[in-house]
């Protein structure tokens, strides 16, 4: 084989594979849901969904049937089969792992494992060209594939205990990144220098270099630092504060602006632990932050509490948005909440998991509650020409209320260098 499975470990030789029990439960839930929806099977190539269902993101496709269909769950791998077997649990793997068939044989292979209808696909994840190509290879089924994207999105909203533990660990590392910025930042330091200090912590703890997002064509820098007027610069990113970035091809995150005396420095950090996102924002300043900015921060802390309290009661995410936005407007921030016109973002919180922008969202139109076991980053922010201010933590709704999974009270809302 040329390599040994003992090479595929986390720090201190920890086994970082997804537990087989998790894979079994996820596959079972998907099969049950497909049966309820009247969908015979689904064909999945998206890396995030592959990882969630099989514990691997090798170059592969996963086919899973509805409960009662007798279709054998199969991972068809182009490369690497041996690694996919290890990552899927080896002898305990809950699905068959085989070599991917030639595309010309795809339809025949699907029929061989029991498919009578063309498998559904993920229309919101698969590029149009790929959808058309796959459809052409299974045209002899006599009908077009259906879309089951929302089924997968819905199933992933509620996190298991194991997934919540991954996000807690992600939040602990996130906290360590803020501590590194506290130690390394200060007057005259560039945003990029401070981001580098946080990056060093994150990489040492296992960050794999990628933050996954659903919304096309979004990509994300995980350490956004906006010092002073950087906070007022608009970016392409669908958020309140994007930062100036390092260049026009990377116009998001930290840039070359330097920390100045008595100016707000907003730091928004995303960490990903074994695939799972934590998202947190804190404020910094060299010297004392002017009282006007402190008052603004206090008011955003108040808005965050309103949003959090609404979600904790099981009220709809759209209602949390209306209450939080209305309070912000009454405070006098119509033209500052989550950006300045015409670049305002229309949300106050977003769900997180394997992706940064999961559902539901604290925004208009999300007429559903945050379910127990679901995770949400709540982030009211204000943007002005001379800076930005805000607060953010990642939370899970439990039966007791909202539990913080990131820094919470362990790191101050405002740190003075």
Protein backbone atom coordinates (compact mmCIF):
# COMPACT_ATOMS: atom_id res chain seq x y z
CA UNK A 1 0.00 0.00 0.00
CA UNK A 2 2.96 2.33 0.55
CA UNK A 3 1.53 3.96 3.67
CA UNK A 4 0.23 2.91 7.05
CA UNK A 5 -3.09 3.79 8.66
CA UNK A 6 -1.19 4.86 11.76
CA UNK A 7 -0.08 7.91 9.74
CA UNK A 8 -3.69 9.20 9.64
CA UNK A 9 -4.04 10.56 13.16
CA UNK A 10 -4.66 13.81 14.93
CA UNK A 11 -2.35 15.33 17.55
CA UNK A 12 -0.92 12.89 20.08
CA UNK A 13 -1.97 10.09 17.70
CA UNK A 14 -5.66 10.70 18.40
CA UNK A 15 -8.13 8.88 16.17
CA UNK A 16 -9.89 11.71 14.37
CA UNK A 17 -12.26 9.56 12.32
CA UNK A 18 -16.00 10.08 12.59
CA UNK A 19 -17.37 7.35 14.89
CA UNK A 20 -19.10 4.53 13.02
CA UNK A 21 -22.14 4.97 15.27
CA UNK A 22 -22.49 8.51 13.91
CA UNK A 23 -22.36 7.30 10.30
CA UNK A 24 -24.90 4.57 11.00
CA UNK A 25 -27.32 7.02 12.60
CA UNK A 26 -26.98 9.59 9.81
CA UNK A 27 -27.48 7.04 7.07
CA UNK A 28 -30.49 5.59 8.88
CA UNK A 29 -32.07 9.02 9.29
CA UNK A 30 -31.54 9.83 5.63
CA UNK A 31 -33.02 6.49 4.49
CA UNK A 32 -36.07 7.05 6.67
CA UNK A 33 -36.56 10.58 5.37
CA UNK A 34 -36.24 9.44 1.74
CA UNK A 35 -38.98 6.90 2.36
CA UNK A 36 -41.25 9.57 3.84
CA UNK A 37 -40.62 11.84 0.84
CA UNK A 38 -41.19 9.04 -1.67
CA UNK A 39 -37.66 9.23 -3.07
CA UNK A 40 -36.12 5.85 -3.87
CA UNK A 41 -32.43 6.81 -3.63
CA UNK A 42 -29.94 9.66 -3.75
CA UNK A 43 -26.59 10.06 -5.55
CA UNK A 44 -24.18 12.32 -3.62
CA UNK A 45 -20.88 13.78 -4.78
CA UNK A 46 -20.66 16.92 -2.65
CA UNK A 47 -17.63 16.77 -0.29
CA UNK A 48 -19.47 18.04 2.79
CA UNK A 49 -22.36 15.62 2.44
CA UNK A 50 -19.94 12.79 1.64
CA UNK A 51 -18.03 13.48 4.84
CA UNK A 52 -21.21 13.72 6.91
CA UNK A 53 -22.54 10.41 5.63
CA UNK A 54 -19.40 8.31 5.08
CA UNK A 55 -16.68 9.90 7.22
CA UNK A 56 -14.60 10.48 4.09
CA UNK A 57 -14.34 13.02 1.30
CA UNK A 58 -12.34 11.00 -1.15
CA UNK A 59 -13.06 11.48 -4.87
CA UNK A 60 -16.22 9.41 -4.78
CA UNK A 61 -19.99 9.14 -4.99
CA UNK A 62 -22.33 7.79 -2.33
CA UNK A 63 -25.56 6.01 -3.20
CA UNK A 64 -28.09 5.37 -0.48
CA UNK A 65 -31.61 4.02 -0.78
CA UNK A 66 -34.83 4.77 1.02
CA UNK A 67 -35.84 2.58 3.93
CA UNK A 68 -37.44 -0.55 2.47
CA UNK A 69 -35.88 -0.12 -0.97
CA UNK A 70 -33.26 -2.86 -0.41
CA UNK A 71 -30.69 -0.67 -2.19
CA UNK A 72 -27.29 -1.34 -0.65
CA UNK A 73 -25.60 1.83 0.57
CA UNK A 74 -22.43 2.10 -1.50
CA UNK A 75 -19.47 4.46 -1.71
CA UNK A 76 -17.95 4.33 -5.18
CA UNK A 77 -14.40 5.66 -5.00
CA UNK A 78 -12.07 6.87 -7.73
CA UNK A 79 -9.27 7.51 -5.27
CA UNK A 80 -8.32 6.51 -2.68
CA UNK A 81 -10.23 3.29 -1.96
CA UNK A 82 -7.87 2.20 0.81
CA UNK A 83 -8.12 5.53 2.57
CA UNK A 84 -11.92 5.61 2.20
CA UNK A 85 -12.08 2.19 3.87
CA UNK A 86 -9.96 3.33 6.77
CA UNK A 87 -11.88 6.59 7.21
CA UNK A 88 -15.21 4.76 7.03
CA UNK A 89 -14.38 2.42 9.91
CA UNK A 90 -12.67 -0.49 8.11
CA UNK A 91 -14.42 -3.78 9.03
CA UNK A 92 -17.14 -1.87 10.92
CA UNK A 93 -17.92 0.43 7.98
CA UNK A 94 -21.73 0.69 7.55
CA UNK A 95 -21.59 0.90 3.75
CA UNK A 96 -20.01 -0.98 0.87
CA UNK A 97 -16.87 0.58 -0.62
CA UNK A 98 -16.04 -0.20 -4.24
CA UNK A 99 -14.23 1.25 -7.21
CA UNK A 100 -16.27 3.87 -9.05
CA UNK A 101 -17.75 2.45 -12.26
CA UNK A 102 -17.04 3.94 -15.66
CA UNK A 103 -19.52 6.71 -16.32
CA UNK A 104 -20.75 4.84 -19.36
CA UNK A 105 -21.75 2.01 -17.02
CA UNK A 106 -23.34 4.22 -14.36
CA UNK A 107 -26.93 3.48 -15.24
CA UNK A 108 -26.31 -0.26 -15.40
CA UNK A 109 -24.50 -0.19 -12.04
CA UNK A 110 -27.36 1.71 -10.38
CA UNK A 111 -29.86 -0.82 -11.66
CA UNK A 112 -27.65 -3.67 -10.48
CA UNK A 113 -27.75 -2.43 -6.88
CA UNK A 114 -31.55 -2.14 -7.01
CA UNK A 115 -32.44 1.30 -8.39
CA UNK A 116 -35.67 1.36 -10.37
CA UNK A 117 -35.85 5.15 -10.58
CA UNK A 118 -33.08 7.65 -11.29
CA UNK A 119 -31.48 8.68 -7.98
CA UNK A 120 -32.14 12.15 -6.69
CA UNK A 121 -29.23 14.61 -6.57
CA UNK A 122 -28.31 17.83 -4.78
CA UNK A 123 -29.38 20.58 -7.17
CA UNK A 124 -28.14 23.33 -4.84
CA UNK A 125 -24.70 21.77 -4.57
CA UNK A 126 -24.03 20.24 -8.01
CA UNK A 127 -22.93 22.58 -10.84
CA UNK A 128 -25.38 22.68 -13.75
CA UNK A 129 -22.85 21.07 -16.05
CA UNK A 130 -22.34 18.17 -13.69
CA UNK A 131 -26.09 17.71 -13.20
CA UNK A 132 -26.57 17.59 -16.97
CA UNK A 133 -23.69 15.15 -17.41
CA UNK A 134 -24.95 12.72 -14.75
CA UNK A 135 -28.49 13.03 -16.09
CA UNK A 136 -27.31 12.09 -19.56
CA UNK A 137 -25.67 8.95 -18.19
CA UNK A 138 -28.87 7.76 -16.52
CA UNK A 139 -31.31 8.93 -19.21
CA UNK A 140 -32.49 5.36 -19.86
CA UNK A 141 -34.39 5.44 -16.55
CA UNK A 142 -36.90 7.48 -18.54
CA UNK A 143 -37.23 10.44 -16.21
CA UNK A 144 -35.12 13.24 -14.76
CA UNK A 145 -33.55 13.14 -11.28
CA UNK A 146 -35.38 14.93 -8.49
CA UNK A 147 -33.74 17.32 -6.04
CA UNK A 148 -33.18 16.35 -2.40
CA UNK A 149 -30.88 19.16 -1.28
CA UNK A 150 -33.24 20.44 1.39
CA UNK A 151 -33.60 16.99 2.90
CA UNK A 152 -29.86 16.88 3.62
CA UNK A 153 -29.83 20.47 4.87
CA UNK A 154 -32.74 19.79 7.23
CA UNK A 155 -31.17 16.60 8.60
CA UNK A 156 -27.92 18.38 9.38
CA UNK A 157 -29.57 21.23 11.29
CA UNK A 158 -29.89 19.27 14.52
CA UNK A 159 -26.45 18.24 15.80
CA UNK A 160 -25.68 15.03 17.65
CA UNK A 161 -23.90 15.06 21.01
CA UNK A 162 -20.69 14.13 19.21
CA UNK A 163 -21.06 17.00 16.76
CA UNK A 164 -21.71 19.43 19.60
CA UNK A 165 -18.53 18.24 21.28
CA UNK A 166 -16.63 18.98 18.05
CA UNK A 167 -18.02 22.53 17.99
CA UNK A 168 -17.18 23.01 21.69
CA UNK A 169 -13.60 21.98 20.97
CA UNK A 170 -13.58 24.30 17.99
CA UNK A 171 -14.75 27.08 20.29
CA UNK A 172 -11.97 26.36 22.78
CA UNK A 173 -9.37 26.70 20.05
CA UNK A 174 -11.14 29.82 18.84
CA UNK A 175 -10.68 31.26 22.33
CA UNK A 176 -6.96 30.47 22.21
CA UNK A 177 -6.73 32.40 18.95
CA UNK A 178 -8.20 35.48 20.66
CA UNK A 179 -5.67 35.07 23.46
CA UNK A 180 -2.88 35.06 20.87
CA UNK A 181 -4.18 38.33 19.42
CA UNK A 182 -4.37 39.82 22.89
CA UNK A 183 -0.72 38.91 23.46
CA UNK A 184 0.59 39.91 20.03
CA UNK A 185 -1.53 42.93 19.13
CA UNK A 186 -1.28 46.59 19.95
CA UNK A 187 -0.27 49.98 18.64
CA UNK A 188 1.32 49.90 15.19
CA UNK A 189 0.62 46.22 14.52
CA UNK A 190 -0.94 45.43 11.17
CA UNK A 191 -4.14 43.45 10.91
CA UNK A 192 -2.24 40.75 9.01
CA UNK A 193 0.42 40.45 11.72
CA UNK A 194 -2.26 39.81 14.32
CA UNK A 195 -4.13 37.41 12.06
CA UNK A 196 -0.87 35.51 11.62
CA UNK A 197 -0.58 34.99 15.37
CA UNK A 198 -4.08 33.52 15.48
CA UNK A 199 -3.34 31.43 12.40
CA UNK A 200 -0.34 29.85 14.08
CA UNK A 201 -2.50 28.66 16.98
CA UNK A 202 -5.20 27.34 14.68
CA UNK A 203 -2.86 25.44 12.40
CA UNK A 204 -1.02 23.85 15.31
CA UNK A 205 -4.36 22.53 16.59
CA UNK A 206 -5.34 20.93 13.29
CA UNK A 207 -7.09 23.49 11.08
CA UNK A 208 -7.16 22.02 7.58
CA UNK A 209 -7.09 25.27 5.63
CA UNK A 210 -10.67 25.42 4.36
CA UNK A 211 -13.93 26.97 5.53
CA UNK A 212 -16.85 25.57 3.60
CA UNK A 213 -19.83 27.66 2.54
CA UNK A 214 -23.02 26.81 0.69
CA UNK A 215 -23.73 30.12 -0.93
CA UNK A 216 -22.04 30.52 -4.29
CA UNK A 217 -19.64 32.19 -4.97
CA UNK A 218 -18.79 32.88 -1.34
CA UNK A 219 -15.48 31.99 0.23
CA UNK A 220 -14.29 33.04 3.64
CA UNK A 221 -11.19 34.22 5.47
CA UNK A 222 -11.40 32.94 9.01
CA UNK A 223 -9.69 35.88 10.75
CA UNK A 224 -11.38 39.16 9.86
CA UNK A 225 -9.66 42.05 11.61
CA UNK A 226 -10.98 45.55 10.96
CA UNK A 227 -9.04 48.33 12.69
CA UNK A 228 -10.49 51.81 12.69
CA UNK A 229 -11.67 52.88 9.25
CA UNK A 230 -11.16 49.36 7.87
CA UNK A 231 -14.44 48.50 9.57
CA UNK A 232 -16.31 50.90 7.31
CA UNK A 233 -14.98 49.51 4.02
CA UNK A 234 -17.59 47.38 2.18
CA UNK A 235 -16.66 43.94 0.88
CA UNK A 236 -18.20 41.29 -1.36
CA UNK A 237 -18.90 39.10 1.64
CA UNK A 238 -22.50 38.69 2.79
CA UNK A 239 -21.88 39.98 6.30
CA UNK A 240 -21.76 43.24 8.21
CA UNK A 241 -17.96 43.52 8.34
CA UNK A 242 -15.62 41.95 5.80
CA UNK A 243 -12.39 43.85 6.39
CA UNK A 244 -10.21 45.21 3.60
CA UNK A 245 -8.24 42.03 2.91
CA UNK A 246 -4.72 41.85 1.52
CA UNK A 247 -5.42 42.54 -2.19
CA UNK A 248 -8.25 42.82 -4.75
CA UNK A 249 -8.24 39.04 -5.26
CA UNK A 250 -8.49 38.56 -1.48
CA UNK A 251 -10.72 41.50 -0.46
CA UNK A 252 -11.80 39.97 2.83
CA UNK A 253 -10.23 39.62 6.23
CA UNK A 254 -7.10 41.27 7.57
CA UNK A 255 -5.12 43.82 5.59
CA UNK A 256 -2.19 46.17 6.02
CA UNK A 257 -3.99 48.74 8.17
CA UNK A 258 -2.33 49.36 11.53
CA UNK A 259 -3.75 49.68 15.01
CA UNK A 260 -4.03 53.31 16.08
CA UNK A 261 -4.63 54.90 19.46
CA UNK A 262 -8.24 54.82 20.76
CA UNK A 263 -9.72 53.27 17.61
CA UNK A 264 -12.03 50.23 17.64
CA UNK A 265 -10.52 46.99 16.37
CA UNK A 266 -13.10 44.34 15.51
CA UNK A 267 -11.81 40.75 15.41
CA UNK A 268 -14.06 38.05 13.95
CA UNK A 269 -12.56 34.55 14.12
CA UNK A 270 -13.77 31.33 12.53
CA UNK A 271 -12.09 28.08 13.50
CA UNK A 272 -12.83 24.65 12.04
CA UNK A 273 -12.17 21.56 14.14
CA UNK A 274 -12.47 18.23 12.34
CA UNK A 275 -14.82 19.96 9.93
CA UNK A 276 -16.94 21.79 12.50
CA UNK A 277 -17.22 25.59 12.59
CA UNK A 278 -17.13 27.95 15.55
CA UNK A 279 -17.60 31.69 15.00
CA UNK A 280 -16.83 34.45 17.51
CA UNK A 281 -16.25 38.24 17.54
CA UNK A 282 -14.62 40.46 20.14
CA UNK A 283 -13.48 44.09 20.30
CA UNK A 284 -9.98 45.42 20.99
CA UNK A 285 -8.45 48.86 21.36
CA UNK A 286 -5.04 50.36 22.12
CA UNK A 287 -5.70 52.53 25.13
CA UNK A 288 -9.22 53.46 26.17
CA UNK A 289 -12.03 53.07 23.69
CA UNK A 290 -14.05 56.31 23.43
CA UNK A 291 -17.30 56.14 25.40
CA UNK A 292 -19.41 56.46 22.24
CA UNK A 293 -17.97 53.19 20.93
CA UNK A 294 -18.36 51.47 24.30
CA UNK A 295 -22.01 52.50 24.37
CA UNK A 296 -22.51 51.08 20.89
CA UNK A 297 -20.94 47.80 21.95
CA UNK A 298 -23.16 47.63 25.04
CA UNK A 299 -26.22 48.15 22.86
CA UNK A 300 -25.21 45.35 20.48
CA UNK A 301 -24.74 43.08 23.50
CA UNK A 302 -28.31 43.99 24.43
CA UNK A 303 -29.56 43.18 20.91
CA UNK A 304 -27.72 39.85 20.98
CA UNK A 305 -29.53 39.04 24.23
CA UNK A 306 -32.90 39.82 22.65
CA UNK A 307 -32.18 37.53 19.70
CA UNK A 308 -30.89 34.79 21.97
CA UNK A 309 -33.86 35.02 24.31
CA UNK A 310 -36.32 34.82 21.43
CA UNK A 311 -34.66 31.71 20.04
CA UNK A 312 -34.48 30.11 23.48
CA UNK A 313 -38.28 30.34 23.77
CA UNK A 314 -38.71 28.39 20.53
CA UNK A 315 -40.01 31.37 18.58
CA UNK A 316 -39.32 31.58 14.86
CA UNK A 317 -35.98 32.85 13.57
CA UNK A 318 -37.85 35.51 11.58
CA UNK A 319 -39.34 36.81 14.83
CA UNK A 320 -35.88 36.98 16.42
CA UNK A 321 -34.77 39.02 13.39
CA UNK A 322 -37.73 41.42 13.66
CA UNK A 323 -37.23 41.96 17.39
CA UNK A 324 -33.47 42.45 17.11
CA UNK A 325 -33.69 44.76 14.11
CA UNK A 326 -36.55 46.80 15.63
CA UNK A 327 -34.55 47.32 18.81
CA UNK A 328 -31.51 48.41 16.77
CA UNK A 329 -33.60 50.91 14.82
CA UNK A 330 -35.13 52.30 18.02
CA UNK A 331 -31.58 52.77 19.30
CA UNK A 332 -30.96 54.98 16.26
CA UNK A 333 -29.04 52.55 14.06
CA UNK A 334 -31.27 52.19 11.00
CA UNK A 335 -28.36 53.02 8.71
CA UNK A 336 -25.69 51.16 10.69
CA UNK A 337 -27.03 47.79 11.77
CA UNK A 338 -25.17 45.03 9.91
CA UNK A 339 -23.58 47.57 7.55
CA UNK A 340 -24.32 50.91 5.92
CA UNK A 341 -26.66 51.43 2.93
CA UNK A 342 -26.54 50.09 0.29
CA UNK A 343 -24.34 47.33 1.74
CA UNK A 344 -26.32 46.17 4.74
CA UNK A 345 -26.61 42.45 5.49
CA UNK A 346 -30.13 41.27 6.28
CA UNK A 347 -29.53 38.88 9.17
CA UNK A 348 -28.48 38.85 12.82
CA UNK A 349 -27.42 35.23 13.12
CA UNK A 350 -26.55 32.20 10.99
CA UNK A 351 -26.47 28.50 11.76
CA UNK A 352 -23.11 26.74 11.72
CA UNK A 353 -21.92 23.15 11.46
CA UNK A 354 -19.81 21.66 8.70
CA UNK A 355 -20.52 24.88 6.80
CA UNK A 356 -20.40 28.48 7.94
CA UNK A 357 -23.75 29.44 6.42
CA UNK A 358 -26.17 26.68 7.36
CA UNK A 359 -29.89 27.03 7.99
CA UNK A 360 -31.93 28.39 9.62
CA UNK A 361 -30.91 32.06 9.67
CA UNK A 362 -32.06 34.89 11.92
CA UNK A 363 -33.58 36.73 9.00
CA UNK A 364 -36.87 37.56 7.33
CA UNK A 365 -38.57 34.54 5.81
CA UNK A 366 -37.24 31.88 8.16
CA UNK A 367 -40.57 30.94 9.69
CA UNK A 368 -39.16 28.18 11.83
CA UNK A 369 -37.56 27.97 15.27
CA UNK A 370 -34.03 27.04 16.11
CA UNK A 371 -34.60 23.41 17.05
CA UNK A 372 -33.17 21.90 20.21
CA UNK A 373 -29.70 20.65 19.30
CA UNK A 374 -29.21 23.24 16.54
CA UNK A 375 -26.33 25.71 16.56
CA UNK A 376 -26.38 29.41 15.76
CA UNK A 377 -23.79 32.19 15.60
CA UNK A 378 -25.52 35.38 16.79
CA UNK A 379 -23.70 38.51 15.61
CA UNK A 380 -25.29 41.98 15.77
CA UNK A 381 -22.80 44.56 14.50
CA UNK A 382 -22.77 48.27 13.74
CA UNK A 383 -20.81 49.85 10.91
CA UNK A 384 -19.78 53.49 10.56
CA UNK A 385 -17.39 55.30 8.24
CA UNK A 386 -14.75 55.39 10.97
CA UNK A 387 -15.09 51.84 12.25
CA UNK A 388 -17.23 48.91 13.29
CA UNK A 389 -18.30 47.36 16.57
CA UNK A 390 -20.12 44.18 17.49
CA UNK A 391 -20.32 40.94 19.40
CA UNK A 392 -20.65 37.30 18.36
CA UNK A 393 -20.72 33.88 19.94
CA UNK A 394 -21.84 30.46 18.76
CA UNK A 395 -24.71 28.89 20.68
CA UNK A 396 -26.66 25.64 20.85
CA UNK A 397 -30.28 25.58 21.89
CA UNK A 398 -30.81 23.00 24.64
CA UNK A 399 -33.84 22.12 26.71
CA UNK A 400 -32.51 24.47 29.39
CA UNK A 401 -32.04 27.40 27.01
CA UNK A 402 -29.07 28.65 24.98
CA UNK A 403 -25.60 27.27 25.77
CA UNK A 404 -22.52 29.13 24.58
CA UNK A 405 -20.01 27.05 22.62
CA UNK A 406 -17.36 29.76 22.09
CA UNK A 407 -15.62 32.29 24.33
CA UNK A 408 -18.71 33.55 26.16
CA UNK A 409 -17.70 35.07 29.50
CA UNK A 410 -14.24 33.48 29.33
CA UNK A 411 -12.97 36.33 27.15
CA UNK A 412 -13.94 40.00 27.64
CA UNK A 413 -16.16 41.74 25.13
CA UNK A 414 -13.57 44.53 24.97
CA UNK A 415 -9.82 44.16 25.48
CA UNK A 416 -7.48 47.15 25.82
CA UNK A 417 -3.84 46.72 24.84
